[in-house]
PDB file of N, CA and C in Angstrom:
ATOM      1  N   MET A   1       0.886  -1.173  -0.020  1.00  0.00           N
ATOM      2  CA  MET A   1       0.064  -0.004  -0.007  1.00  0.00           C
ATOM      3  C   MET A   1       0.891   1.290  -0.041  1.00  0.00           C
ATOM      4  N   PRO A   2       0.565   2.161  -0.903  1.00  0.00           N
ATOM      5  CA  PRO A   2       1.433   3.395  -0.886  1.00  0.00           C
ATOM      6  C   PRO A   2       1.272   4.256   0.302  1.00  0.00           C
ATOM      7  N   GLY A   3       2.393   5.047   0.620  1.00  0.00           N
ATOM      8  CA  GLY A   3       2.299   5.954   1.786  1.00  0.00           C
ATOM      9  C   GLY A   3       1.370   7.151   1.504  1.00  0.00           C
ATOM     10  N   PRO A   4       1.202   7.964   2.632  1.00  0.00           N
ATOM     11  CA  PRO A   4       0.371   9.145   2.473  1.00  0.00           C
ATOM     12  C   PRO A   4       0.845  10.147   1.353  1.00  0.00           C
ATOM     13  N   THR A   5       0.006  10.804   0.746  1.00  0.00           N
ATOM     14  CA  THR A   5       0.276  11.764  -0.295  1.00  0.00           C
ATOM     15  C   THR A   5       0.849  13.039   0.447  1.00  0.00           C
ATOM     16  N   MET A   6       1.848  13.556  -0.188  1.00  0.00           N
ATOM     17  CA  MET A   6       2.458  14.754   0.385  1.00  0.00           C
ATOM     18  C   MET A   6       2.046  15.927  -0.299  1.00  0.00           C
ATOM     19  N   TYR A   7       1.479  16.916   0.431  1.00  0.00           N
ATOM     20  CA  TYR A   7       0.859  18.149  -0.107  1.00  0.00           C
ATOM     21  C   TYR A   7       1.744  19.405   0.156  1.00  0.00           C
ATOM     22  N   ALA A   8       2.865  19.275   0.775  1.00  0.00           N
ATOM     23  CA  ALA A   8       3.726  20.338   1.154  1.00  0.00           C
ATOM     24  C   ALA A   8       4.966  20.289   0.216  1.00  0.00           C
ATOM     25  N   GLY A   9       5.614  21.318   0.075  1.00  0.00           N
ATOM     26  CA  GLY A   9       6.839  21.452  -0.793  1.00  0.00           C
ATOM     27  C   GLY A   9       6.578  21.942  -2.235  1.00  0.00           C
ATOM     28  N   ALA A  10       7.592  21.667  -3.090  1.00  0.00           N
ATOM     29  CA  ALA A  10       7.489  22.263  -4.421  1.00  0.00           C
ATOM     30  C   ALA A  10       6.316  21.761  -5.271  1.00  0.00           C
ATOM     31  N   ASP A  11       5.893  22.626  -6.185  1.00  0.00           N
ATOM     32  CA  ASP A  11       4.805  22.182  -7.103  1.00  0.00           C
ATOM     33  C   ASP A  11       5.350  21.605  -8.321  1.00  0.00           C
ATOM     34  N   GLY A  12       6.633  21.867  -8.500  1.00  0.00           N
ATOM     35  CA  GLY A  12       7.353  21.365  -9.796  1.00  0.00           C
ATOM     36  C   GLY A  12       8.813  21.583  -9.756  1.00  0.00           C
ATOM     37  N   ILE A  13       9.497  21.196 -10.792  1.00  0.00           N
ATOM     38  CA  ILE A  13      10.932  21.308 -10.922  1.00  0.00           C
ATOM     39  C   ILE A  13      11.291  22.026 -12.249  1.00  0.00           C
ATOM     40  N   ASN A  14      12.201  23.053 -12.213  1.00  0.00           N
ATOM     41  CA  ASN A  14      12.519  23.671 -13.446  1.00  0.00           C
ATOM     42  C   ASN A  14      13.638  22.967 -14.163  1.00  0.00           C
ATOM     43  N   GLU A  15      14.084  23.632 -15.294  1.00  0.00           N
ATOM     44  CA  GLU A  15      15.028  22.898 -16.191  1.00  0.00           C
ATOM     45  C   GLU A  15      16.318  22.728 -15.488  1.00  0.00           C
ATOM     46  N   GLN A  16      16.707  23.585 -14.382  1.00  0.00           N
ATOM     47  CA  GLN A  16      17.893  23.425 -13.639  1.00  0.00           C
ATOM     48  C   GLN A  16      17.829  22.445 -12.514  1.00  0.00           C
ATOM     49  N   GLY A  17      16.609  21.714 -12.433  1.00  0.00           N
ATOM     50  CA  GLY A  17      16.429  20.805 -11.361  1.00  0.00           C
ATOM     51  C   GLY A  17      16.004  21.415 -10.002  1.00  0.00           C
ATOM     52  N   GLN A  18      15.681  22.826 -10.050  1.00  0.00           N
ATOM     53  CA  GLN A  18      15.301  23.469  -8.767  1.00  0.00           C
ATOM     54  C   GLN A  18      13.791  23.407  -8.530  1.00  0.00           C
ATOM     55  N   PRO A  19      13.399  23.354  -7.300  1.00  0.00           N
ATOM     56  CA  PRO A  19      11.911  23.302  -7.014  1.00  0.00           C
ATOM     57  C   PRO A  19      11.353  24.763  -7.254  1.00  0.00           C
ATOM     58  N   VAL A  20      10.107  24.669  -7.760  1.00  0.00           N
ATOM     59  CA  VAL A  20       9.441  25.934  -8.117  1.00  0.00           C
ATOM     60  C   VAL A  20       7.907  25.934  -7.656  1.00  0.00           C
ATOM     61  N   GLU A  21       7.447  27.081  -7.560  1.00  0.00           N
ATOM     62  CA  GLU A  21       5.899  27.201  -6.983  1.00  0.00           C
ATOM     63  C   GLU A  21       5.022  27.563  -8.257  1.00  0.00           C
ATOM     64  N   TYR A  22       3.877  27.055  -8.193  1.00  0.00           N
ATOM     65  CA  TYR A  22       2.912  27.258  -9.243  1.00  0.00           C
ATOM     66  C   TYR A  22       1.569  27.710  -8.552  1.00  0.00           C
ATOM     67  N   LYS A  23       1.030  28.761  -9.192  1.00  0.00           N
ATOM     68  CA  LYS A  23      -0.257  29.262  -8.784  1.00  0.00           C
ATOM     69  C   LYS A  23      -1.104  29.262 -10.067  1.00  0.00           C
ATOM     70  N   SER A  24      -2.352  28.813  -9.998  1.00  0.00           N
ATOM     71  CA  SER A  24      -3.192  28.697 -11.152  1.00  0.00           C
ATOM     72  C   SER A  24      -4.568  29.337 -10.899  1.00  0.00           C
ATOM     73  N   THR A  25      -5.166  29.754 -12.049  1.00  0.00           N
ATOM     74  CA  THR A  25      -6.534  30.306 -11.997  1.00  0.00           C
ATOM     75  C   THR A  25      -7.318  30.027 -13.212  1.00  0.00           C
ATOM     76  N   THR A  26      -8.600  30.084 -13.178  1.00  0.00           N
ATOM     77  CA  THR A  26      -9.439  30.067 -14.210  1.00  0.00           C
ATOM     78  C   THR A  26     -10.159  31.338 -14.493  1.00  0.00           C
ATOM     79  N   GLY A  27      -9.752  32.314 -13.599  1.00  0.00           N
ATOM     80  CA  GLY A  27     -10.354  33.671 -13.663  1.00  0.00           C
ATOM     81  C   GLY A  27      -9.963  34.358 -14.904  1.00  0.00           C
ATOM     82  N   LYS A  28     -10.432  35.750 -14.980  1.00  0.00           N
ATOM     83  CA  LYS A  28     -10.073  36.555 -16.096  1.00  0.00           C
ATOM     84  C   LYS A  28      -8.580  37.122 -16.084  1.00  0.00           C
ATOM     85  N   LYS A  29      -8.059  37.111 -14.903  1.00  0.00           N
ATOM     86  CA  LYS A  29      -6.733  37.627 -14.719  1.00  0.00           C
ATOM     87  C   LYS A  29      -5.807  36.725 -13.828  1.00  0.00           C
ATOM     88  N   CYS A  30      -4.543  36.668 -14.239  1.00  0.00           N
ATOM     89  CA  CYS A  30      -3.629  35.931 -13.309  1.00  0.00           C
ATOM     90  C   CYS A  30      -3.421  36.612 -12.025  1.00  0.00           C
ATOM     91  N   GLN A  31      -3.284  35.746 -10.923  1.00  0.00           N
ATOM     92  CA  GLN A  31      -2.998  36.272  -9.605  1.00  0.00           C
ATOM     93  C   GLN A  31      -2.358  35.089  -8.879  1.00  0.00           C
ATOM     94  N   GLY A  32      -1.775  35.359  -7.730  1.00  0.00           N
ATOM     95  CA  GLY A  32      -1.304  34.223  -6.952  1.00  0.00           C
ATOM     96  C   GLY A  32      -1.630  34.371  -5.399  1.00  0.00           C
ATOM     97  N   SER A  33      -2.540  33.554  -5.035  1.00  0.00           N
ATOM     98  CA  SER A  33      -2.890  33.676  -3.634  1.00  0.00           C
ATOM     99  C   SER A  33      -2.130  32.634  -2.836  1.00  0.00           C
ATOM    100  N   TYR A  34      -1.545  33.216  -1.738  1.00  0.00           N
ATOM    101  CA  TYR A  34      -0.815  32.425  -0.793  1.00  0.00           C
ATOM    102  C   TYR A  34      -1.532  32.330   0.498  1.00  0.00           C
ATOM    103  N   THR A  35      -2.182  31.209   0.809  1.00  0.00           N
ATOM    104  CA  THR A  35      -2.946  31.119   1.926  1.00  0.00           C
ATOM    105  C   THR A  35      -2.553  30.023   2.863  1.00  0.00           C
ATOM    106  N   GLY A  36      -3.060  30.046   4.040  1.00  0.00           N
ATOM    107  CA  GLY A  36      -2.732  29.008   4.987  1.00  0.00           C
ATOM    108  C   GLY A  36      -1.372  29.010   5.461  1.00  0.00           C
ATOM    109  N   ILE A  37      -0.742  30.186   5.531  1.00  0.00           N
ATOM    110  CA  ILE A  37       0.712  30.338   5.867  1.00  0.00           C
ATOM    111  C   ILE A  37       0.790  30.155   7.427  1.00  0.00           C
ATOM    112  N   SER A  38       1.604  29.293   7.919  1.00  0.00           N
ATOM    113  CA  SER A  38       1.766  29.107   9.251  1.00  0.00           C
ATOM    114  C   SER A  38       2.235  30.287  10.004  1.00  0.00           C
ATOM    115  N   VAL A  39       1.801  30.588  11.180  1.00  0.00           N
ATOM    116  CA  VAL A  39       2.208  31.746  11.966  1.00  0.00           C
ATOM    117  C   VAL A  39       3.334  31.398  12.940  1.00  0.00           C
ATOM    118  N   GLN A  40       4.401  32.154  12.920  1.00  0.00           N
ATOM    119  CA  GLN A  40       5.511  31.838  13.865  1.00  0.00           C
ATOM    120  C   GLN A  40       5.213  32.729  15.188  1.00  0.00           C
ATOM    121  N   LYS A  41       6.261  32.576  16.122  1.00  0.00           N
ATOM    122  CA  LYS A  41       6.004  33.199  17.462  1.00  0.00           C
ATOM    123  C   LYS A  41       6.224  34.724  17.378  1.00  0.00           C
ATOM    124  N   ASP A  42       7.005  35.313  16.600  1.00  0.00           N
ATOM    125  CA  ASP A  42       7.279  36.694  16.398  1.00  0.00           C
ATOM    126  C   ASP A  42       7.652  37.053  15.031  1.00  0.00           C
ATOM    127  N   TRP A  43       7.589  38.368  14.605  1.00  0.00           N
ATOM    128  CA  TRP A  43       7.808  38.736  13.282  1.00  0.00           C
ATOM    129  C   TRP A  43       9.114  38.291  12.753  1.00  0.00           C
ATOM    130  N   ARG A  44      10.215  38.417  13.535  1.00  0.00           N
ATOM    131  CA  ARG A  44      11.634  37.991  13.122  1.00  0.00           C
ATOM    132  C   ARG A  44      11.466  36.528  12.752  1.00  0.00           C
ATOM    133  N   GLU A  45      10.913  35.631  13.547  1.00  0.00           N
ATOM    134  CA  GLU A  45      10.888  34.290  13.131  1.00  0.00           C
ATOM    135  C   GLU A  45       9.977  34.087  11.857  1.00  0.00           C
ATOM    136  N   GLN A  46       8.962  34.856  11.767  1.00  0.00           N
ATOM    137  CA  GLN A  46       7.991  34.838  10.608  1.00  0.00           C
ATOM    138  C   GLN A  46       8.694  35.126   9.334  1.00  0.00           C
ATOM    139  N   GLU A  47       9.459  36.221   9.453  1.00  0.00           N
ATOM    140  CA  GLU A  47      10.208  36.720   8.229  1.00  0.00           C
ATOM    141  C   GLU A  47      11.125  35.631   7.730  1.00  0.00           C
ATOM    142  N   LYS A  48      11.861  34.988   8.727  1.00  0.00           N
ATOM    143  CA  LYS A  48      12.835  34.007   8.415  1.00  0.00           C
ATOM    144  C   LYS A  48      12.163  32.774   7.738  1.00  0.00           C
ATOM    145  N   TYR A  49      11.040  32.391   8.332  1.00  0.00           N
ATOM    146  CA  TYR A  49      10.335  31.292   7.837  1.00  0.00           C
ATOM    147  C   TYR A  49       9.753  31.557   6.390  1.00  0.00           C
ATOM    148  N   LEU A  50       9.265  32.820   6.067  1.00  0.00           N
ATOM    149  CA  LEU A  50       8.851  33.154   4.791  1.00  0.00           C
ATOM    150  C   LEU A  50       9.892  33.133   3.723  1.00  0.00           C
ATOM    151  N   VAL A  51      11.119  33.699   4.128  1.00  0.00           N
ATOM    152  CA  VAL A  51      12.279  33.905   3.260  1.00  0.00           C
ATOM    153  C   VAL A  51      12.935  32.442   2.993  1.00  0.00           C
ATOM    154  N   THR A  52      13.043  31.590   3.975  1.00  0.00           N
ATOM    155  CA  THR A  52      13.860  30.434   3.806  1.00  0.00           C
ATOM    156  C   THR A  52      13.111  29.187   3.520  1.00  0.00           C
ATOM    157  N   GLU A  53      11.755  29.177   3.985  1.00  0.00           N
ATOM    158  CA  GLU A  53      10.959  27.900   3.856  1.00  0.00           C
ATOM    159  C   GLU A  53       9.699  28.014   2.963  1.00  0.00           C
ATOM    160  N   LYS A  54       9.011  29.199   2.974  1.00  0.00           N
ATOM    161  CA  LYS A  54       7.750  29.287   2.384  1.00  0.00           C
ATOM    162  C   LYS A  54       7.768  29.933   0.985  1.00  0.00           C
ATOM    163  N   LEU A  55       8.429  31.049   0.917  1.00  0.00           N
ATOM    164  CA  LEU A  55       8.410  31.811  -0.371  1.00  0.00           C
ATOM    165  C   LEU A  55       9.760  31.797  -1.112  1.00  0.00           C
ATOM    166  N   GLY A  56      10.754  32.278  -0.312  1.00  0.00           N
ATOM    167  CA  GLY A  56      12.157  32.510  -0.854  1.00  0.00           C
ATOM    168  C   GLY A  56      12.833  31.203  -1.331  1.00  0.00           C
ATOM    169  N   LYS A  57      12.551  30.063  -0.831  1.00  0.00           N
ATOM    170  CA  LYS A  57      13.225  28.875  -1.123  1.00  0.00           C
ATOM    171  C   LYS A  57      12.974  28.419  -2.605  1.00  0.00           C
ATOM    172  N   TYR A  58      11.956  29.073  -3.199  1.00  0.00           N
ATOM    173  CA  TYR A  58      11.714  28.693  -4.566  1.00  0.00           C
ATOM    174  C   TYR A  58      12.170  29.856  -5.509  1.00  0.00           C
ATOM    175  N   PRO A  59      13.251  29.491  -6.348  1.00  0.00           N
ATOM    176  CA  PRO A  59      13.742  30.610  -7.127  1.00  0.00           C
ATOM    177  C   PRO A  59      12.825  31.160  -8.221  1.00  0.00           C
ATOM    178  N   GLU A  60      11.743  30.405  -8.541  1.00  0.00           N
ATOM    179  CA  GLU A  60      10.804  30.810  -9.467  1.00  0.00           C
ATOM    180  C   GLU A  60       9.413  30.586  -9.009  1.00  0.00           C
ATOM    181  N   HIS A  61       8.512  31.477  -9.269  1.00  0.00           N
ATOM    182  CA  HIS A  61       7.067  31.318  -8.959  1.00  0.00           C
ATOM    183  C   HIS A  61       6.318  31.626 -10.327  1.00  0.00           C
ATOM    184  N   TYR A  62       5.499  30.598 -10.699  1.00  0.00           N
ATOM    185  CA  TYR A  62       4.724  30.652 -11.957  1.00  0.00           C
ATOM    186  C   TYR A  62       3.242  30.955 -11.608  1.00  0.00           C
ATOM    187  N   TYR A  63       2.676  31.868 -12.494  1.00  0.00           N
ATOM    188  CA  TYR A  63       1.227  32.138 -12.332  1.00  0.00           C
ATOM    189  C   TYR A  63       0.573  31.854 -13.664  1.00  0.00           C
ATOM    190  N   ASN A  64      -0.291  30.861 -13.648  1.00  0.00           N
ATOM    191  CA  ASN A  64      -0.901  30.382 -14.820  1.00  0.00           C
ATOM    192  C   ASN A  64      -2.327  30.650 -14.887  1.00  0.00           C
ATOM    193  N   ARG A  65      -2.838  30.837 -16.109  1.00  0.00           N
ATOM    194  CA  ARG A  65      -4.234  31.115 -16.258  1.00  0.00           C
ATOM    195  C   ARG A  65      -4.818  30.063 -17.250  1.00  0.00           C
ATOM    196  N   PHE A  66      -5.924  29.428 -17.005  1.00  0.00           N
ATOM    197  CA  PHE A  66      -6.557  28.487 -17.850  1.00  0.00           C
ATOM    198  C   PHE A  66      -7.871  28.836 -18.339  1.00  0.00           C
ATOM    199  N   GLU A  67      -8.165  28.439 -19.566  1.00  0.00           N
ATOM    200  CA  GLU A  67      -9.538  28.632 -20.133  1.00  0.00           C
ATOM    201  C   GLU A  67      -9.955  27.299 -20.751  1.00  0.00           C
ATOM    202  N   ASP A  68     -11.163  26.762 -20.508  1.00  0.00           N
ATOM    203  CA  ASP A  68     -11.651  25.565 -21.055  1.00  0.00           C
ATOM    204  C   ASP A  68     -10.559  24.453 -20.962  1.00  0.00           C
ATOM    205  N   GLY A  69      -9.868  24.421 -19.786  1.00  0.00           N
ATOM    206  CA  GLY A  69      -8.907  23.376 -19.559  1.00  0.00           C
ATOM    207  C   GLY A  69      -7.585  23.447 -20.259  1.00  0.00           C
ATOM    208  N   LYS A  70      -7.390  24.702 -20.938  1.00  0.00           N
ATOM    209  CA  LYS A  70      -6.109  24.940 -21.708  1.00  0.00           C
ATOM    210  C   LYS A  70      -5.368  26.096 -21.152  1.00  0.00           C
ATOM    211  N   LEU A  71      -4.000  25.936 -21.028  1.00  0.00           N
ATOM    212  CA  LEU A  71      -3.210  27.016 -20.524  1.00  0.00           C
ATOM    213  C   LEU A  71      -3.305  28.108 -21.611  1.00  0.00           C
ATOM    214  N   THR A  72      -3.649  29.363 -21.119  1.00  0.00           N
ATOM    215  CA  THR A  72      -3.799  30.460 -22.031  1.00  0.00           C
ATOM    216  C   THR A  72      -2.742  31.586 -21.751  1.00  0.00           C
ATOM    217  N   GLU A  73      -2.122  31.573 -20.558  1.00  0.00           N
ATOM    218  CA  GLU A  73      -0.940  32.374 -20.251  1.00  0.00           C
ATOM    219  C   GLU A  73      -0.220  31.952 -18.961  1.00  0.00           C
ATOM    220  N   SER A  74       1.029  32.247 -19.018  1.00  0.00           N
ATOM    221  CA  SER A  74       1.950  31.893 -17.809  1.00  0.00           C
ATOM    222  C   SER A  74       2.945  32.959 -17.636  1.00  0.00           C
ATOM    223  N   TRP A  75       3.053  33.412 -16.392  1.00  0.00           N
ATOM    224  CA  TRP A  75       3.943  34.492 -16.049  1.00  0.00           C
ATOM    225  C   TRP A  75       4.902  33.863 -14.994  1.00  0.00           C
ATOM    226  N   LYS A  76       6.172  34.482 -14.841  1.00  0.00           N
ATOM    227  CA  LYS A  76       7.180  33.966 -13.974  1.00  0.00           C
ATOM    228  C   LYS A  76       7.727  35.207 -13.197  1.00  0.00           C
ATOM    229  N   LEU A  77       7.780  35.103 -11.911  1.00  0.00           N
ATOM    230  CA  LEU A  77       8.485  36.038 -11.058  1.00  0.00           C
ATOM    231  C   LEU A  77       9.564  35.248 -10.206  1.00  0.00           C
ATOM    232  N   SER A  78      10.600  35.995  -9.900  1.00  0.00           N
ATOM    233  CA  SER A  78      11.625  35.409  -8.998  1.00  0.00           C
ATOM    234  C   SER A  78      11.101  35.312  -7.677  1.00  0.00           C
ATOM    235  N   GLY A  79      11.634  34.296  -6.934  1.00  0.00           N
ATOM    236  CA  GLY A  79      11.344  34.130  -5.548  1.00  0.00           C
ATOM    237  C   GLY A  79      11.614  35.331  -4.731  1.00  0.00           C
ATOM    238  N   LYS A  80      12.771  35.965  -5.050  1.00  0.00           N
ATOM    239  CA  LYS A  80      13.168  37.188  -4.299  1.00  0.00           C
ATOM    240  C   LYS A  80      12.062  38.291  -4.515  1.00  0.00           C
ATOM    241  N   LYS A  81      11.634  38.495  -5.775  1.00  0.00           N
ATOM    242  CA  LYS A  81      10.559  39.441  -6.081  1.00  0.00           C
ATOM    243  C   LYS A  81       9.209  39.093  -5.302  1.00  0.00           C
ATOM    244  N   VAL A  82       8.902  37.833  -5.222  1.00  0.00           N
ATOM    245  CA  VAL A  82       7.623  37.462  -4.523  1.00  0.00           C
ATOM    246  C   VAL A  82       7.872  37.769  -3.025  1.00  0.00           C
ATOM    247  N   VAL A  83       8.950  37.566  -2.476  1.00  0.00           N
ATOM    248  CA  VAL A  83       9.194  37.867  -1.067  1.00  0.00           C
ATOM    249  C   VAL A  83       9.065  39.434  -0.884  1.00  0.00           C
ATOM    250  N   ASP A  84       9.591  40.281  -1.884  1.00  0.00           N
ATOM    251  CA  ASP A  84       9.663  41.662  -1.821  1.00  0.00           C
ATOM    252  C   ASP A  84       8.182  42.239  -1.881  1.00  0.00           C
ATOM    253  N   ILE A  85       7.345  41.464  -2.592  1.00  0.00           N
ATOM    254  CA  ILE A  85       5.980  41.923  -2.664  1.00  0.00           C
ATOM    255  C   ILE A  85       5.065  41.531  -1.544  1.00  0.00           C
ATOM    256  N   LEU A  86       5.290  40.323  -1.030  1.00  0.00           N
ATOM    257  CA  LEU A  86       4.372  39.733  -0.017  1.00  0.00           C
ATOM    258  C   LEU A  86       4.900  40.167   1.461  1.00  0.00           C
ATOM    259  N   LEU A  87       6.128  40.308   1.692  1.00  0.00           N
ATOM    260  CA  LEU A  87       6.533  40.616   3.067  1.00  0.00           C
ATOM    261  C   LEU A  87       5.825  41.747   3.683  1.00  0.00           C
ATOM    262  N   PRO A  88       5.805  42.867   3.015  1.00  0.00           N
ATOM    263  CA  PRO A  88       4.931  44.057   3.579  1.00  0.00           C
ATOM    264  C   PRO A  88       3.507  43.753   3.780  1.00  0.00           C
ATOM    265  N   LYS A  89       2.919  42.995   2.961  1.00  0.00           N
ATOM    266  CA  LYS A  89       1.508  42.720   3.039  1.00  0.00           C
ATOM    267  C   LYS A  89       1.333  41.793   4.277  1.00  0.00           C
ATOM    268  N   LEU A  90       2.146  40.798   4.476  1.00  0.00           N
ATOM    269  CA  LEU A  90       1.971  39.966   5.569  1.00  0.00           C
ATOM    270  C   LEU A  90       2.446  40.499   6.934  1.00  0.00           C
ATOM    271  N   ALA A  91       3.338  41.451   6.862  1.00  0.00           N
ATOM    272  CA  ALA A  91       3.708  42.139   8.069  1.00  0.00           C
ATOM    273  C   ALA A  91       2.620  42.948   8.685  1.00  0.00           C
ATOM    274  N   LYS A  92       1.923  43.615   7.809  1.00  0.00           N
ATOM    275  CA  LYS A  92       0.685  44.378   8.207  1.00  0.00           C
ATOM    276  C   LYS A  92      -0.331  43.437   8.902  1.00  0.00           C
ATOM    277  N   LYS A  93      -0.438  42.187   8.506  1.00  0.00           N
ATOM    278  CA  LYS A  93      -1.462  41.339   9.052  1.00  0.00           C
ATOM    279  C   LYS A  93      -0.996  40.529  10.256  1.00  0.00           C
ATOM    280  N   PHE A  94       0.332  40.475  10.484  1.00  0.00           N
ATOM    281  CA  PHE A  94       0.938  39.584  11.504  1.00  0.00           C
ATOM    282  C   PHE A  94       0.374  39.794  12.872  1.00  0.00           C
ATOM    283  N   ASP A  95       0.289  41.040  13.436  1.00  0.00           N
ATOM    284  CA  ASP A  95      -0.156  41.276  14.757  1.00  0.00           C
ATOM    285  C   ASP A  95      -1.568  40.987  15.105  1.00  0.00           C
ATOM    286  N   THR A  96      -2.396  40.932  14.023  1.00  0.00           N
ATOM    287  CA  THR A  96      -3.777  40.691  14.169  1.00  0.00           C
ATOM    288  C   THR A  96      -4.220  39.274  14.006  1.00  0.00           C
ATOM    289  N   VAL A  97      -3.401  38.370  13.304  1.00  0.00           N
ATOM    290  CA  VAL A  97      -3.772  37.121  12.884  1.00  0.00           C
ATOM    291  C   VAL A  97      -3.870  36.133  14.121  1.00  0.00           C
ATOM    292  N   SER A  98      -3.167  36.370  15.057  1.00  0.00           N
ATOM    293  CA  SER A  98      -3.211  35.426  16.301  1.00  0.00           C
ATOM    294  C   SER A  98      -4.523  35.648  16.986  1.00  0.00           C
ATOM    295  N   GLN A  99      -5.233  36.646  16.764  1.00  0.00           N
ATOM    296  CA  GLN A  99      -6.549  36.797  17.477  1.00  0.00           C
ATOM    297  C   GLN A  99      -7.638  36.195  16.633  1.00  0.00           C
ATOM    298  N   GLN A 100      -7.350  35.552  15.490  1.00  0.00           N
ATOM    299  CA  GLN A 100      -8.408  34.974  14.652  1.00  0.00           C
ATOM    300  C   GLN A 100      -8.611  33.496  15.086  1.00  0.00           C
ATOM    301  N   LYS A 101      -9.797  32.929  14.713  1.00  0.00           N
ATOM    302  CA  LYS A 101     -10.112  31.645  15.095  1.00  0.00           C
ATOM    303  C   LYS A 101      -9.185  30.693  14.446  1.00  0.00           C
ATOM    304  N   ASP A 102      -8.855  30.979  13.179  1.00  0.00           N
ATOM    305  CA  ASP A 102      -7.850  30.103  12.418  1.00  0.00           C
ATOM    306  C   ASP A 102      -6.650  30.955  12.116  1.00  0.00           C
ATOM    307  N   PRO A 103      -5.681  30.976  13.016  1.00  0.00           N
ATOM    308  CA  PRO A 103      -4.521  31.894  12.924  1.00  0.00           C
ATOM    309  C   PRO A 103      -3.544  31.481  11.875  1.00  0.00           C
ATOM    310  N   ARG A 104      -3.802  31.915  10.595  1.00  0.00           N
ATOM    311  CA  ARG A 104      -2.831  31.642   9.472  1.00  0.00           C
ATOM    312  C   ARG A 104      -2.868  32.851   8.644  1.00  0.00           C
ATOM    313  N   LEU A 105      -1.718  33.161   7.978  1.00  0.00           N
ATOM    314  CA  LEU A 105      -1.619  34.365   7.199  1.00  0.00           C
ATOM    315  C   LEU A 105      -1.963  34.052   5.810  1.00  0.00           C
ATOM    316  N   ALA A 106      -2.347  35.105   5.067  1.00  0.00           N
ATOM    317  CA  ALA A 106      -2.568  34.991   3.550  1.00  0.00           C
ATOM    318  C   ALA A 106      -2.331  36.337   2.879  1.00  0.00           C
ATOM    319  N   ALA A 107      -1.928  36.243   1.691  1.00  0.00           N
ATOM    320  CA  ALA A 107      -1.739  37.474   0.833  1.00  0.00           C
ATOM    321  C   ALA A 107      -1.614  37.127  -0.550  1.00  0.00           C
ATOM    322  N   THR A 108      -1.868  38.036  -1.460  1.00  0.00           N
ATOM    323  CA  THR A 108      -1.899  37.782  -2.872  1.00  0.00           C
ATOM    324  C   THR A 108      -0.929  38.629  -3.613  1.00  0.00           C
ATOM    325  N   VAL A 109      -0.383  37.970  -4.679  1.00  0.00           N
ATOM    326  CA  VAL A 109       0.417  38.702  -5.686  1.00  0.00           C
ATOM    327  C   VAL A 109      -0.676  39.018  -6.745  1.00  0.00           C
ATOM    328  N   THR A 110      -0.885  40.302  -6.914  1.00  0.00           N
ATOM    329  CA  THR A 110      -2.012  40.799  -7.792  1.00  0.00           C
ATOM    330  C   THR A 110      -1.611  40.777  -9.329  1.00  0.00           C
ATOM    331  N   TRP A 111      -2.591  40.918 -10.176  1.00  0.00           N
ATOM    332  CA  TRP A 111      -2.470  40.901 -11.553  1.00  0.00           C
ATOM    333  C   TRP A 111      -1.525  42.102 -12.043  1.00  0.00           C
ATOM    334  N   LYS A 112      -1.664  43.267 -11.275  1.00  0.00           N
ATOM    335  CA  LYS A 112      -0.983  44.411 -11.559  1.00  0.00           C
ATOM    336  C   LYS A 112       0.581  44.161 -11.282  1.00  0.00           C
ATOM    337  N   GLU A 113       0.911  43.488 -10.095  1.00  0.00           N
ATOM    338  CA  GLU A 113       2.202  43.240  -9.761  1.00  0.00           C
ATOM    339  C   GLU A 113       2.753  42.141 -10.671  1.00  0.00           C
ATOM    340  N   ILE A 114       2.077  41.175 -11.107  1.00  0.00           N
ATOM    341  CA  ILE A 114       2.532  40.114 -12.057  1.00  0.00           C
ATOM    342  C   ILE A 114       2.853  40.821 -13.396  1.00  0.00           C
ATOM    343  N   GLN A 115       2.143  41.809 -13.855  1.00  0.00           N
ATOM    344  CA  GLN A 115       2.356  42.472 -15.163  1.00  0.00           C
ATOM    345  C   GLN A 115       3.689  43.329 -14.932  1.00  0.00           C
ATOM    346  N   GLU A 116       3.753  43.988 -13.863  1.00  0.00           N
ATOM    347  CA  GLU A 116       4.854  44.957 -13.607  1.00  0.00           C
ATOM    348  C   GLU A 116       6.232  44.128 -13.463  1.00  0.00           C
ATOM    349  N   TYR A 117       6.239  43.039 -12.723  1.00  0.00           N
ATOM    350  CA  TYR A 117       7.427  42.325 -12.479  1.00  0.00           C
ATOM    351  C   TYR A 117       7.702  40.955 -13.123  1.00  0.00           C
ATOM    352  N   GLY A 118       6.570  40.516 -13.887  1.00  0.00           N
ATOM    353  CA  GLY A 118       6.706  39.165 -14.543  1.00  0.00           C
ATOM    354  C   GLY A 118       7.421  39.201 -15.870  1.00  0.00           C
TER     355      GLY A 118
END
């Protein structure tokens, strides 16, 4: 019997053999929602986690849009750029998230940001 399915970690591997992150949508515009981010004990630990484990460890993040089951566009941002975009958004939410019933962080790389940096 096979072991449990793993849902954490890379979504794919690039040509250089590096792990990469994929975000997909069937909406009218590409975007990348990062949800369910584990909350650490303080912002210093949170930032370290985001940079080394959650976002920055992937050198490339792909944002794909599908129509009728077919890939219609794909954009790529560097892991560093994704960290630069999301850290300020997540920092603003950090102090209030522990008061929520489900204390996890979430933020989105917007279509405007994808167009500007992708």
